[in-house]
Amino acid sequence: MRGDPVPKLRYIRKTSVGRRLRRLLFPVVLGLLTTLGTPARAVVPYVFLPSEKGLREAGLGIAEEAVQMLRLGQPEYAARLAELTVRLLPNDPRGWVLLAEAQLRDNNSKEALKALARAKRLDPNNPGIWFAEGALALRNGKPAEALDLIQKGLRLDGRNAGALFDLGNAHILLNQPDPALRAFERAASLRANFWEAINNQGLVLYERGKDQEAMRLWRKVLTIKPSVAESSLALAAALHNGQPALKEDAFRLAESALADDPNYVKEEYQKEQLWGPRLREAAGRLLAEPSLRPAVERAKANATGTQEAE
């Protein structure tokens, strides 16, 4: 499980955007109306210069709208709004972090890096910025760089569960299972029902031959969120590999997993989700069972591709 590589922006307070913008724009309209005299009269143009407080309120209101666009899955519009935010509030690092998040979700990693760099210059002691840079490095296939950035952020905020989860993923990619496991355990201890971290503990333990511990963790995930395809298929593969008497349970779990997320039918996708070779081999043997052929064929037809393709 790679998880969501983009930290959520949670500190833009809610404002009455429409009301505030109308209040700011009304003097502009009024000024334009005062210039509409008779053609023969000379008039002095009226230019409305909003106060610093007004600009700040407008910027925060636009930022709120950008956050809403992200929640609605419209990163392109969110990025445009965030660009307006940083023009109005160029010295507020929150706007630059928001812009980076929107650009990253719009698959514009290069510009996202620039926005994060600007945010870090404005607020170098903000751990969230270090975490965001680390998440971006992880997404760009640079786990060593991600590890360094996340660790620097953790020195400022050592109790950030999401950052610890990303740290664990970086360790897995660097073939460092022991620190990966510690990071996932710490993350799960800091956030209640953090099923992604619990799931990834199972991934590490299964590769180390600790099948029973891994299966216990995957079962725990499914008590928290029964529809997690990854944990369902991992548990099914482990049951099929080590407990032939539970083969029917393994088939049922596998069918459910492939229906929930058909991409897991592909080994390459499993690898992207940080499945190790032992678990992938077990899943391959399971999915080759004749009883699962219809479910496997449906999954292959419905799979959407790797993360990079998406």
C-alpha atoms as a PDB file:
ATOM      1  CA  MET A   1       0.000   0.000   0.000  1.00  0.00           C
ATOM      2  CA  ARG A   2       1.583   3.197  -1.176  1.00  0.00           C
ATOM      3  CA  GLY A   3      -1.098   5.431   0.294  1.00  0.00           C
ATOM      4  CA  ASP A   4      -2.026   8.965  -0.688  1.00  0.00           C
ATOM      5  CA  PRO A   5       1.301  10.766  -1.433  1.00  0.00           C
ATOM      6  CA  VAL A   6      -0.181  14.207  -1.007  1.00  0.00           C
ATOM      7  CA  PRO A   7      -0.655  15.634   2.486  1.00  0.00           C
ATOM      8  CA  LYS A   8      -4.046  17.233   2.999  1.00  0.00           C
ATOM      9  CA  LEU A   9      -4.194  20.962   3.631  1.00  0.00           C
ATOM     10  CA  ARG A  10      -6.317  21.473   6.733  1.00  0.00           C
ATOM     11  CA  TYR A  11      -5.632  24.966   7.968  1.00  0.00           C
ATOM     12  CA  ILE A  12      -7.600  27.202   5.599  1.00  0.00           C
ATOM     13  CA  ARG A  13     -10.459  28.457   7.745  1.00  0.00           C
ATOM     14  CA  LYS A  14     -13.961  28.675   6.351  1.00  0.00           C
ATOM     15  CA  THR A  15     -15.096  32.091   5.177  1.00  0.00           C
ATOM     16  CA  SER A  16     -18.171  33.479   3.489  1.00  0.00           C
ATOM     17  CA  VAL A  17     -16.420  33.755   0.157  1.00  0.00           C
ATOM     18  CA  GLY A  18     -19.189  35.180  -1.954  1.00  0.00           C
ATOM     19  CA  ARG A  19     -20.172  37.809   0.579  1.00  0.00           C
ATOM     20  CA  ARG A  20     -16.613  38.968   1.151  1.00  0.00           C
ATOM     21  CA  LEU A  21     -15.769  39.133  -2.542  1.00  0.00           C
ATOM     22  CA  ARG A  22     -18.950  41.059  -3.282  1.00  0.00           C
ATOM     23  CA  ARG A  23     -18.030  43.480  -0.523  1.00  0.00           C
ATOM     24  CA  LEU A  24     -14.588  43.966  -2.040  1.00  0.00           C
ATOM     25  CA  LEU A  25     -15.798  44.280  -5.609  1.00  0.00           C
ATOM     26  CA  PHE A  26     -18.682  46.671  -4.920  1.00  0.00           C
ATOM     27  CA  PRO A  27     -16.417  49.763  -4.614  1.00  0.00           C
ATOM     28  CA  VAL A  28     -14.735  48.785  -7.889  1.00  0.00           C
ATOM     29  CA  VAL A  29     -18.073  48.700  -9.679  1.00  0.00           C
ATOM     30  CA  LEU A  30     -19.105  51.932  -7.983  1.00  0.00           C
ATOM     31  CA  GLY A  31     -15.876  53.567  -9.117  1.00  0.00           C
ATOM     32  CA  LEU A  32     -16.500  52.503 -12.687  1.00  0.00           C
ATOM     33  CA  LEU A  33     -19.981  53.957 -12.555  1.00  0.00           C
ATOM     34  CA  THR A  34     -18.670  57.332 -11.382  1.00  0.00           C
ATOM     35  CA  THR A  35     -16.573  57.599 -14.537  1.00  0.00           C
ATOM     36  CA  LEU A  36     -19.618  57.390 -16.796  1.00  0.00           C
ATOM     37  CA  GLY A  37     -20.347  61.110 -17.124  1.00  0.00           C
ATOM     38  CA  THR A  38     -21.109  63.168 -20.204  1.00  0.00           C
ATOM     39  CA  PRO A  39     -18.454  62.986 -22.923  1.00  0.00           C
ATOM     40  CA  ALA A  40     -17.566  66.672 -22.617  1.00  0.00           C
ATOM     41  CA  ARG A  41     -16.640  66.531 -18.950  1.00  0.00           C
ATOM     42  CA  ALA A  42     -13.214  65.550 -17.783  1.00  0.00           C
ATOM     43  CA  VAL A  43     -13.355  62.980 -14.995  1.00  0.00           C
ATOM     44  CA  VAL A  44     -10.793  61.653 -12.573  1.00  0.00           C
ATOM     45  CA  PRO A  45     -10.650  57.853 -12.725  1.00  0.00           C
ATOM     46  CA  TYR A  46     -11.525  56.162  -9.473  1.00  0.00           C
ATOM     47  CA  VAL A  47      -9.269  53.282  -8.492  1.00  0.00           C
ATOM     48  CA  PHE A  48     -10.231  51.108  -5.559  1.00  0.00           C
ATOM     49  CA  LEU A  49      -7.273  49.866  -3.526  1.00  0.00           C
ATOM     50  CA  PRO A  50      -8.414  47.198  -1.095  1.00  0.00           C
ATOM     51  CA  SER A  51      -6.887  47.176   2.355  1.00  0.00           C
ATOM     52  CA  GLU A  52      -4.327  44.617   3.413  1.00  0.00           C
ATOM     53  CA  LYS A  53      -6.994  42.983   5.557  1.00  0.00           C
ATOM     54  CA  GLY A  54      -9.349  42.845   2.581  1.00  0.00           C
ATOM     55  CA  LEU A  55      -6.733  41.221   0.386  1.00  0.00           C
ATOM     56  CA  ARG A  56      -5.988  38.675   3.072  1.00  0.00           C
ATOM     57  CA  GLU A  57      -9.648  37.815   3.493  1.00  0.00           C
ATOM     58  CA  ALA A  58     -10.078  37.491  -0.259  1.00  0.00           C
ATOM     59  CA  GLY A  59      -6.989  35.284  -0.507  1.00  0.00           C
ATOM     60  CA  LEU A  60      -8.177  32.995   2.270  1.00  0.00           C
ATOM     61  CA  GLY A  61     -11.616  32.808   0.703  1.00  0.00           C
ATOM     62  CA  ILE A  62     -10.166  31.789  -2.645  1.00  0.00           C
ATOM     63  CA  ALA A  63      -7.951  29.246  -0.876  1.00  0.00           C
ATOM     64  CA  GLU A  64     -11.027  27.747   0.720  1.00  0.00           C
ATOM     65  CA  GLU A  65     -12.603  27.382  -2.698  1.00  0.00           C
ATOM     66  CA  ALA A  66      -9.413  25.711  -3.968  1.00  0.00           C
ATOM     67  CA  VAL A  67      -9.556  23.193  -1.127  1.00  0.00           C
ATOM     68  CA  GLN A  68     -13.164  22.471  -2.035  1.00  0.00           C
ATOM     69  CA  MET A  69     -12.180  21.876  -5.661  1.00  0.00           C
ATOM     70  CA  LEU A  70      -9.576  19.356  -4.497  1.00  0.00           C
ATOM     71  CA  ARG A  71     -12.203  17.542  -2.459  1.00  0.00           C
ATOM     72  CA  LEU A  72     -14.411  17.413  -5.542  1.00  0.00           C
ATOM     73  CA  GLY A  73     -11.582  15.924  -7.598  1.00  0.00           C
ATOM     74  CA  GLN A  74     -10.957  18.980  -9.779  1.00  0.00           C
ATOM     75  CA  PRO A  75      -7.230  19.689  -9.302  1.00  0.00           C
ATOM     76  CA  GLU A  76      -6.902  21.814 -12.446  1.00  0.00           C
ATOM     77  CA  TYR A  77      -9.420  24.349 -11.151  1.00  0.00           C
ATOM     78  CA  ALA A  78      -7.926  24.091  -7.674  1.00  0.00           C
ATOM     79  CA  ALA A  79      -4.502  24.979  -9.070  1.00  0.00           C
ATOM     80  CA  ARG A  80      -5.883  28.055 -10.816  1.00  0.00           C
ATOM     81  CA  LEU A  81      -7.525  29.244  -7.612  1.00  0.00           C
ATOM     82  CA  ALA A  82      -4.378  28.524  -5.612  1.00  0.00           C
ATOM     83  CA  GLU A  83      -2.378  30.634  -8.081  1.00  0.00           C
ATOM     84  CA  LEU A  84      -4.713  33.533  -7.297  1.00  0.00           C
ATOM     85  CA  THR A  85      -4.193  32.876  -3.605  1.00  0.00           C
ATOM     86  CA  VAL A  86      -0.415  33.156  -3.803  1.00  0.00           C
ATOM     87  CA  ARG A  87      -0.710  36.339  -5.857  1.00  0.00           C
ATOM     88  CA  LEU A  88      -2.842  37.884  -3.140  1.00  0.00           C
ATOM     89  CA  LEU A  89      -0.834  36.358  -0.287  1.00  0.00           C
ATOM     90  CA  PRO A  90       2.683  35.811  -1.651  1.00  0.00           C
ATOM     91  CA  ASN A  91       4.237  35.649   1.803  1.00  0.00           C
ATOM     92  CA  ASP A  92       1.840  33.105   3.287  1.00  0.00           C
ATOM     93  CA  PRO A  93       3.408  29.630   3.037  1.00  0.00           C
ATOM     94  CA  ARG A  94       0.019  27.945   3.345  1.00  0.00           C
ATOM     95  CA  GLY A  95      -1.002  29.181  -0.082  1.00  0.00           C
ATOM     96  CA  TRP A  96       2.152  27.763  -1.650  1.00  0.00           C
ATOM     97  CA  VAL A  97       1.577  24.385   0.008  1.00  0.00           C
ATOM     98  CA  LEU A  98      -1.981  24.419  -1.321  1.00  0.00           C
ATOM     99  CA  LEU A  99      -0.710  25.269  -4.798  1.00  0.00           C
ATOM    100  CA  ALA A 100       1.794  22.420  -4.610  1.00  0.00           C
ATOM    101  CA  GLU A 101      -0.908  19.974  -3.576  1.00  0.00           C
ATOM    102  CA  ALA A 102      -3.178  21.020  -6.430  1.00  0.00           C
ATOM    103  CA  GLN A 103      -0.342  20.861  -8.965  1.00  0.00           C
ATOM    104  CA  LEU A 104       0.714  17.446  -7.750  1.00  0.00           C
ATOM    105  CA  ARG A 105      -2.813  16.109  -8.059  1.00  0.00           C
ATOM    106  CA  ASP A 106      -2.893  17.620 -11.549  1.00  0.00           C
ATOM    107  CA  ASN A 107       0.256  15.588 -12.389  1.00  0.00           C
ATOM    108  CA  ASN A 108       2.478  18.663 -12.490  1.00  0.00           C
ATOM    109  CA  SER A 109       5.287  17.522 -10.211  1.00  0.00           C
ATOM    110  CA  LYS A 110       7.837  20.017 -11.534  1.00  0.00           C
ATOM    111  CA  GLU A 111       5.750  23.059 -10.610  1.00  0.00           C
ATOM    112  CA  ALA A 112       4.722  21.446  -7.326  1.00  0.00           C
ATOM    113  CA  LEU A 113       8.381  21.213  -6.341  1.00  0.00           C
ATOM    114  CA  LYS A 114       8.833  24.918  -7.067  1.00  0.00           C
ATOM    115  CA  ALA A 115       5.829  25.811  -4.934  1.00  0.00           C
ATOM    116  CA  LEU A 116       7.083  23.694  -2.043  1.00  0.00           C
ATOM    117  CA  ALA A 117      10.526  25.274  -2.286  1.00  0.00           C
ATOM    118  CA  ARG A 118       8.916  28.719  -2.025  1.00  0.00           C
ATOM    119  CA  ALA A 119       6.874  27.579   0.976  1.00  0.00           C
ATOM    120  CA  LYS A 120       9.973  26.235   2.703  1.00  0.00           C
ATOM    121  CA  ARG A 121      11.842  29.507   2.212  1.00  0.00           C
ATOM    122  CA  LEU A 122       8.960  31.304   3.905  1.00  0.00           C
ATOM    123  CA  ASP A 123       8.583  28.796   6.737  1.00  0.00           C
ATOM    124  CA  PRO A 124      11.592  26.474   7.026  1.00  0.00           C
ATOM    125  CA  ASN A 125      10.490  25.138  10.404  1.00  0.00           C
ATOM    126  CA  ASN A 126       7.117  23.904   9.177  1.00  0.00           C
ATOM    127  CA  PRO A 127       7.339  20.092   9.307  1.00  0.00           C
ATOM    128  CA  GLY A 128       4.392  19.726   6.942  1.00  0.00           C
ATOM    129  CA  ILE A 129       6.438  21.233   4.131  1.00  0.00           C
ATOM    130  CA  TRP A 130       9.258  18.743   4.687  1.00  0.00           C
ATOM    131  CA  PHE A 131       6.716  15.915   4.745  1.00  0.00           C
ATOM    132  CA  ALA A 132       5.139  17.142   1.511  1.00  0.00           C
ATOM    133  CA  GLU A 133       8.533  17.270  -0.206  1.00  0.00           C
ATOM    134  CA  GLY A 134       9.260  13.775   1.056  1.00  0.00           C
ATOM    135  CA  ALA A 135       5.944  12.453  -0.224  1.00  0.00           C
ATOM    136  CA  LEU A 136       6.652  14.009  -3.609  1.00  0.00           C
ATOM    137  CA  ALA A 137      10.120  12.452  -3.745  1.00  0.00           C
ATOM    138  CA  LEU A 138       8.572   9.096  -2.857  1.00  0.00           C
ATOM    139  CA  ARG A 139       6.056   9.458  -5.657  1.00  0.00           C
ATOM    140  CA  ASN A 140       8.858  10.341  -8.079  1.00  0.00           C
ATOM    141  CA  GLY A 141      10.742   7.142  -7.282  1.00  0.00           C
ATOM    142  CA  LYS A 142      13.417   8.708  -5.051  1.00  0.00           C
ATOM    143  CA  PRO A 143      13.087   6.825  -1.749  1.00  0.00           C
ATOM    144  CA  ALA A 144      16.511   7.828  -0.390  1.00  0.00           C
ATOM    145  CA  GLU A 145      15.731  11.509  -0.914  1.00  0.00           C
ATOM    146  CA  ALA A 146      12.273  10.980   0.560  1.00  0.00           C
ATOM    147  CA  LEU A 147      13.765   9.313   3.614  1.00  0.00           C
ATOM    148  CA  ASP A 148      16.045  12.274   4.298  1.00  0.00           C
ATOM    149  CA  LEU A 149      13.277  14.858   3.872  1.00  0.00           C
ATOM    150  CA  ILE A 150      10.767  12.986   6.020  1.00  0.00           C
ATOM    151  CA  GLN A 151      13.311  12.407   8.782  1.00  0.00           C
ATOM    152  CA  LYS A 152      14.073  16.136   8.866  1.00  0.00           C
ATOM    153  CA  GLY A 153      10.370  16.841   9.220  1.00  0.00           C
ATOM    154  CA  LEU A 154      10.033  14.256  11.978  1.00  0.00           C
ATOM    155  CA  ARG A 155      12.689  16.061  13.992  1.00  0.00           C
ATOM    156  CA  LEU A 156      10.214  18.941  14.113  1.00  0.00           C
ATOM    157  CA  ASP A 157       7.098  16.810  14.549  1.00  0.00           C
ATOM    158  CA  GLY A 158       7.827  13.260  15.597  1.00  0.00           C
ATOM    159  CA  ARG A 159       4.193  12.281  16.101  1.00  0.00           C
ATOM    160  CA  ASN A 160       2.910  12.687  12.543  1.00  0.00           C
ATOM    161  CA  ALA A 161       1.359   9.328  11.671  1.00  0.00           C
ATOM    162  CA  GLY A 162       1.098  10.032   7.944  1.00  0.00           C
ATOM    163  CA  ALA A 163       4.756  10.983   7.708  1.00  0.00           C
ATOM    164  CA  LEU A 164       5.772   7.848   9.605  1.00  0.00           C
ATOM    165  CA  PHE A 165       3.728   5.795   7.146  1.00  0.00           C
ATOM    166  CA  ASP A 166       5.588   7.407   4.231  1.00  0.00           C
ATOM    167  CA  LEU A 167       8.848   6.784   6.095  1.00  0.00           C
ATOM    168  CA  GLY A 168       8.002   3.089   6.316  1.00  0.00           C
ATOM    169  CA  ASN A 169       7.254   2.960   2.592  1.00  0.00           C
ATOM    170  CA  ALA A 170      10.597   4.598   1.822  1.00  0.00           C
ATOM    171  CA  HIS A 171      12.372   1.984   3.962  1.00  0.00           C
ATOM    172  CA  ILE A 172      10.586  -0.820   2.094  1.00  0.00           C
ATOM    173  CA  LEU A 173      11.700   0.596  -1.250  1.00  0.00           C
ATOM    174  CA  LEU A 174      15.257   0.738   0.097  1.00  0.00           C
ATOM    175  CA  ASN A 175      15.016  -2.911   1.230  1.00  0.00           C
ATOM    176  CA  GLN A 176      15.184  -1.976   4.917  1.00  0.00           C
ATOM    177  CA  PRO A 177      12.429  -4.106   6.498  1.00  0.00           C
ATOM    178  CA  ASP A 178      13.303  -3.602  10.180  1.00  0.00           C
ATOM    179  CA  PRO A 179      13.054   0.220  10.231  1.00  0.00           C
ATOM    180  CA  ALA A 180      10.034  -0.040   7.910  1.00  0.00           C
ATOM    181  CA  LEU A 181       8.223  -2.231  10.419  1.00  0.00           C
ATOM    182  CA  ARG A 182       9.080   0.115  13.288  1.00  0.00           C
ATOM    183  CA  ALA A 183       7.768   3.090  11.328  1.00  0.00           C
ATOM    184  CA  PHE A 184       4.473   1.352  10.513  1.00  0.00           C
ATOM    185  CA  GLU A 185       4.038   0.225  14.124  1.00  0.00           C
ATOM    186  CA  ARG A 186       4.653   3.757  15.358  1.00  0.00           C
ATOM    187  CA  ALA A 187       2.224   5.202  12.815  1.00  0.00           C
ATOM    188  CA  ALA A 188      -0.493   2.732  13.821  1.00  0.00           C
ATOM    189  CA  SER A 189       0.031   3.565  17.497  1.00  0.00           C
ATOM    190  CA  LEU A 190      -0.472   7.285  16.855  1.00  0.00           C
ATOM    191  CA  ARG A 191      -3.631   7.140  14.739  1.00  0.00           C
ATOM    192  CA  ALA A 192      -6.636   5.058  15.673  1.00  0.00           C
ATOM    193  CA  ASN A 193      -7.703   2.534  13.033  1.00  0.00           C
ATOM    194  CA  PHE A 194      -4.844   3.480  10.703  1.00  0.00           C
ATOM    195  CA  TRP A 195      -5.512   0.417   8.590  1.00  0.00           C
ATOM    196  CA  GLU A 196      -2.982   1.316   5.888  1.00  0.00           C
ATOM    197  CA  ALA A 197      -0.141   1.152   8.422  1.00  0.00           C
ATOM    198  CA  ILE A 198      -1.504  -2.096   9.883  1.00  0.00           C
ATOM    199  CA  ASN A 199      -1.742  -3.578   6.391  1.00  0.00           C
ATOM    200  CA  ASN A 200       1.856  -2.685   5.606  1.00  0.00           C
ATOM    201  CA  GLN A 201       3.085  -4.269   8.818  1.00  0.00           C
ATOM    202  CA  GLY A 202       1.600  -7.457   7.413  1.00  0.00           C
ATOM    203  CA  LEU A 203       3.449  -6.969   4.118  1.00  0.00           C
ATOM    204  CA  VAL A 204       6.784  -6.753   5.939  1.00  0.00           C
ATOM    205  CA  LEU A 205       6.089  -9.664   8.274  1.00  0.00           C
ATOM    206  CA  TYR A 206       4.945 -11.994   5.497  1.00  0.00           C
ATOM    207  CA  GLU A 207       8.184 -11.483   3.584  1.00  0.00           C
ATOM    208  CA  ARG A 208      10.040 -12.454   6.772  1.00  0.00           C
ATOM    209  CA  GLY A 209       8.136 -15.732   7.005  1.00  0.00           C
ATOM    210  CA  LYS A 210       5.897 -14.639   9.873  1.00  0.00           C
ATOM    211  CA  ASP A 211       2.722 -15.745   8.168  1.00  0.00           C
ATOM    212  CA  GLN A 212       0.486 -16.031  11.228  1.00  0.00           C
ATOM    213  CA  GLU A 213       1.354 -12.539  12.447  1.00  0.00           C
ATOM    214  CA  ALA A 214       0.773 -11.120   8.979  1.00  0.00           C
ATOM    215  CA  MET A 215      -2.610 -12.828   8.651  1.00  0.00           C
ATOM    216  CA  ARG A 216      -3.645 -11.590  12.093  1.00  0.00           C
ATOM    217  CA  LEU A 217      -2.913  -8.028  10.998  1.00  0.00           C
ATOM    218  CA  TRP A 218      -4.769  -8.372   7.697  1.00  0.00           C
ATOM    219  CA  ARG A 219      -7.777  -9.750   9.568  1.00  0.00           C
ATOM    220  CA  LYS A 220      -7.572  -6.747  11.859  1.00  0.00           C
ATOM    221  CA  VAL A 221      -7.642  -4.439   8.825  1.00  0.00           C
ATOM    222  CA  LEU A 222     -10.788  -6.162   7.575  1.00  0.00           C
ATOM    223  CA  THR A 223     -12.517  -5.634  10.919  1.00  0.00           C
ATOM    224  CA  ILE A 224     -11.773  -1.912  10.573  1.00  0.00           C
ATOM    225  CA  LYS A 225     -12.700  -1.670   6.890  1.00  0.00           C
ATOM    226  CA  PRO A 226     -14.142  -4.849   5.344  1.00  0.00           C
ATOM    227  CA  SER A 227     -13.812  -3.653   1.745  1.00  0.00           C
ATOM    228  CA  VAL A 228     -10.005  -3.299   1.628  1.00  0.00           C
ATOM    229  CA  ALA A 229      -9.074  -5.246  -1.495  1.00  0.00           C
ATOM    230  CA  GLU A 230      -5.367  -5.348  -0.715  1.00  0.00           C
ATOM    231  CA  SER A 231      -5.721  -6.953   2.704  1.00  0.00           C
ATOM    232  CA  SER A 232      -8.401  -9.346   1.426  1.00  0.00           C
ATOM    233  CA  LEU A 233      -6.216 -10.634  -1.400  1.00  0.00           C
ATOM    234  CA  ALA A 234      -3.083 -10.773   0.763  1.00  0.00           C
ATOM    235  CA  LEU A 235      -4.941 -12.789   3.399  1.00  0.00           C
ATOM    236  CA  ALA A 236      -6.391 -15.041   0.701  1.00  0.00           C
ATOM    237  CA  ALA A 237      -2.939 -15.695  -0.769  1.00  0.00           C
ATOM    238  CA  ALA A 238      -1.500 -16.495   2.657  1.00  0.00           C
ATOM    239  CA  LEU A 239      -4.376 -18.848   3.510  1.00  0.00           C
ATOM    240  CA  HIS A 240      -4.126 -20.624   0.163  1.00  0.00           C
ATOM    241  CA  ASN A 241      -0.375 -20.990   0.518  1.00  0.00           C
ATOM    242  CA  GLY A 242      -0.262 -22.246   4.099  1.00  0.00           C
ATOM    243  CA  GLN A 243      -3.666 -23.613   5.063  1.00  0.00           C
ATOM    244  CA  PRO A 244      -5.177 -25.856   2.351  1.00  0.00           C
ATOM    245  CA  ALA A 245      -8.165 -26.646   4.595  1.00  0.00           C
ATOM    246  CA  LEU A 246      -9.222 -22.998   4.260  1.00  0.00           C
ATOM    247  CA  LYS A 247      -9.030 -22.952   0.469  1.00  0.00           C
ATOM    248  CA  GLU A 248     -12.702 -22.027   0.069  1.00  0.00           C
ATOM    249  CA  ASP A 249     -12.225 -19.040   2.391  1.00  0.00           C
ATOM    250  CA  ALA A 250      -9.251 -18.008   0.288  1.00  0.00           C
ATOM    251  CA  PHE A 251     -11.320 -18.190  -2.911  1.00  0.00           C
ATOM    252  CA  ARG A 252     -14.119 -16.119  -1.372  1.00  0.00           C
ATOM    253  CA  LEU A 253     -11.701 -13.434  -0.191  1.00  0.00           C
ATOM    254  CA  ALA A 254      -9.924 -13.349  -3.552  1.00  0.00           C
ATOM    255  CA  GLU A 255     -13.170 -12.962  -5.502  1.00  0.00           C
ATOM    256  CA  SER A 256     -14.228 -10.110  -3.223  1.00  0.00           C
ATOM    257  CA  ALA A 257     -10.837  -8.407  -3.537  1.00  0.00           C
ATOM    258  CA  LEU A 258     -10.775  -8.566  -7.332  1.00  0.00           C
ATOM    259  CA  ALA A 259     -14.319  -7.224  -7.515  1.00  0.00           C
ATOM    260  CA  ASP A 260     -13.390  -4.284  -5.262  1.00  0.00           C
ATOM    261  CA  ASP A 261     -10.119  -3.463  -7.053  1.00  0.00           C
ATOM    262  CA  PRO A 262      -9.461  -5.361 -10.297  1.00  0.00           C
ATOM    263  CA  ASN A 263      -5.958  -3.894 -10.588  1.00  0.00           C
ATOM    264  CA  TYR A 264      -4.698  -6.372  -7.996  1.00  0.00           C
ATOM    265  CA  VAL A 265      -4.979  -9.105 -10.611  1.00  0.00           C
ATOM    266  CA  LYS A 266      -1.709  -7.795 -12.078  1.00  0.00           C
ATOM    267  CA  GLU A 267       1.619  -8.579 -10.468  1.00  0.00           C
ATOM    268  CA  GLU A 268       3.057  -5.232 -11.547  1.00  0.00           C
ATOM    269  CA  TYR A 269       0.329  -3.400  -9.649  1.00  0.00           C
ATOM    270  CA  GLN A 270       0.963  -5.560  -6.585  1.00  0.00           C
ATOM    271  CA  LYS A 271       4.621  -4.600  -6.811  1.00  0.00           C
ATOM    272  CA  GLU A 272       3.710  -0.907  -6.976  1.00  0.00           C
ATOM    273  CA  GLN A 273       1.755  -1.402  -3.759  1.00  0.00           C
ATOM    274  CA  LEU A 274       4.979  -2.667  -2.152  1.00  0.00           C
ATOM    275  CA  TRP A 275       4.133  -6.367  -2.149  1.00  0.00           C
ATOM    276  CA  GLY A 276       7.308  -8.399  -1.784  1.00  0.00           C
ATOM    277  CA  PRO A 277       8.240 -11.361  -4.012  1.00  0.00           C
ATOM    278  CA  ARG A 278       7.024 -14.001  -1.553  1.00  0.00           C
ATOM    279  CA  LEU A 279       3.519 -12.546  -1.343  1.00  0.00           C
ATOM    280  CA  ARG A 280       3.349 -11.955  -5.099  1.00  0.00           C
ATOM    281  CA  GLU A 281       4.280 -15.579  -5.748  1.00  0.00           C
ATOM    282  CA  ALA A 282       1.618 -16.767  -3.302  1.00  0.00           C
ATOM    283  CA  ALA A 283      -0.962 -14.538  -4.983  1.00  0.00           C
ATOM    284  CA  GLY A 284       0.069 -15.861  -8.392  1.00  0.00           C
ATOM    285  CA  ARG A 285      -0.526 -19.457  -7.295  1.00  0.00           C
ATOM    286  CA  LEU A 286      -3.905 -18.509  -5.860  1.00  0.00           C
ATOM    287  CA  LEU A 287      -5.067 -16.632  -8.947  1.00  0.00           C
ATOM    288  CA  ALA A 288      -4.047 -19.554 -11.166  1.00  0.00           C
ATOM    289  CA  GLU A 289      -6.675 -21.782  -9.528  1.00  0.00           C
ATOM    290  CA  PRO A 290      -9.352 -22.900 -12.020  1.00  0.00           C
ATOM    291  CA  SER A 291     -12.094 -21.972  -9.540  1.00  0.00           C
ATOM    292  CA  LEU A 292     -11.024 -18.341  -9.763  1.00  0.00           C
ATOM    293  CA  ARG A 293     -10.758 -18.174 -13.543  1.00  0.00           C
ATOM    294  CA  PRO A 294     -14.039 -16.231 -14.051  1.00  0.00           C
ATOM    295  CA  ALA A 295     -13.131 -13.686 -11.364  1.00  0.00           C
ATOM    296  CA  VAL A 296      -9.619 -13.320 -12.773  1.00  0.00           C
ATOM    297  CA  GLU A 297     -10.891 -12.806 -16.321  1.00  0.00           C
ATOM    298  CA  ARG A 298     -13.351 -10.131 -15.159  1.00  0.00           C
ATOM    299  CA  ALA A 299     -10.606  -8.387 -13.226  1.00  0.00           C
ATOM    300  CA  LYS A 300      -8.292  -8.373 -16.235  1.00  0.00           C
ATOM    301  CA  ALA A 301     -11.051  -6.850 -18.338  1.00  0.00           C
ATOM    302  CA  ASN A 302     -11.768  -4.139 -15.759  1.00  0.00           C
ATOM    303  CA  ALA A 303      -8.234  -3.306 -14.625  1.00  0.00           C
ATOM    304  CA  THR A 304      -7.292   0.279 -15.388  1.00  0.00           C
ATOM    305  CA  GLY A 305      -3.508   0.077 -15.458  1.00  0.00           C
ATOM    306  CA  THR A 306      -0.591   0.889 -13.249  1.00  0.00           C
ATOM    307  CA  GLN A 307      -0.350   4.056 -11.198  1.00  0.00           C
ATOM    308  CA  GLU A 308       1.997   5.587 -13.736  1.00  0.00           C
ATOM    309  CA  ALA A 309      -0.512   4.966 -16.505  1.00  0.00           C
ATOM    310  CA  GLU A 310      -3.254   6.565 -14.481  1.00  0.00           C
END
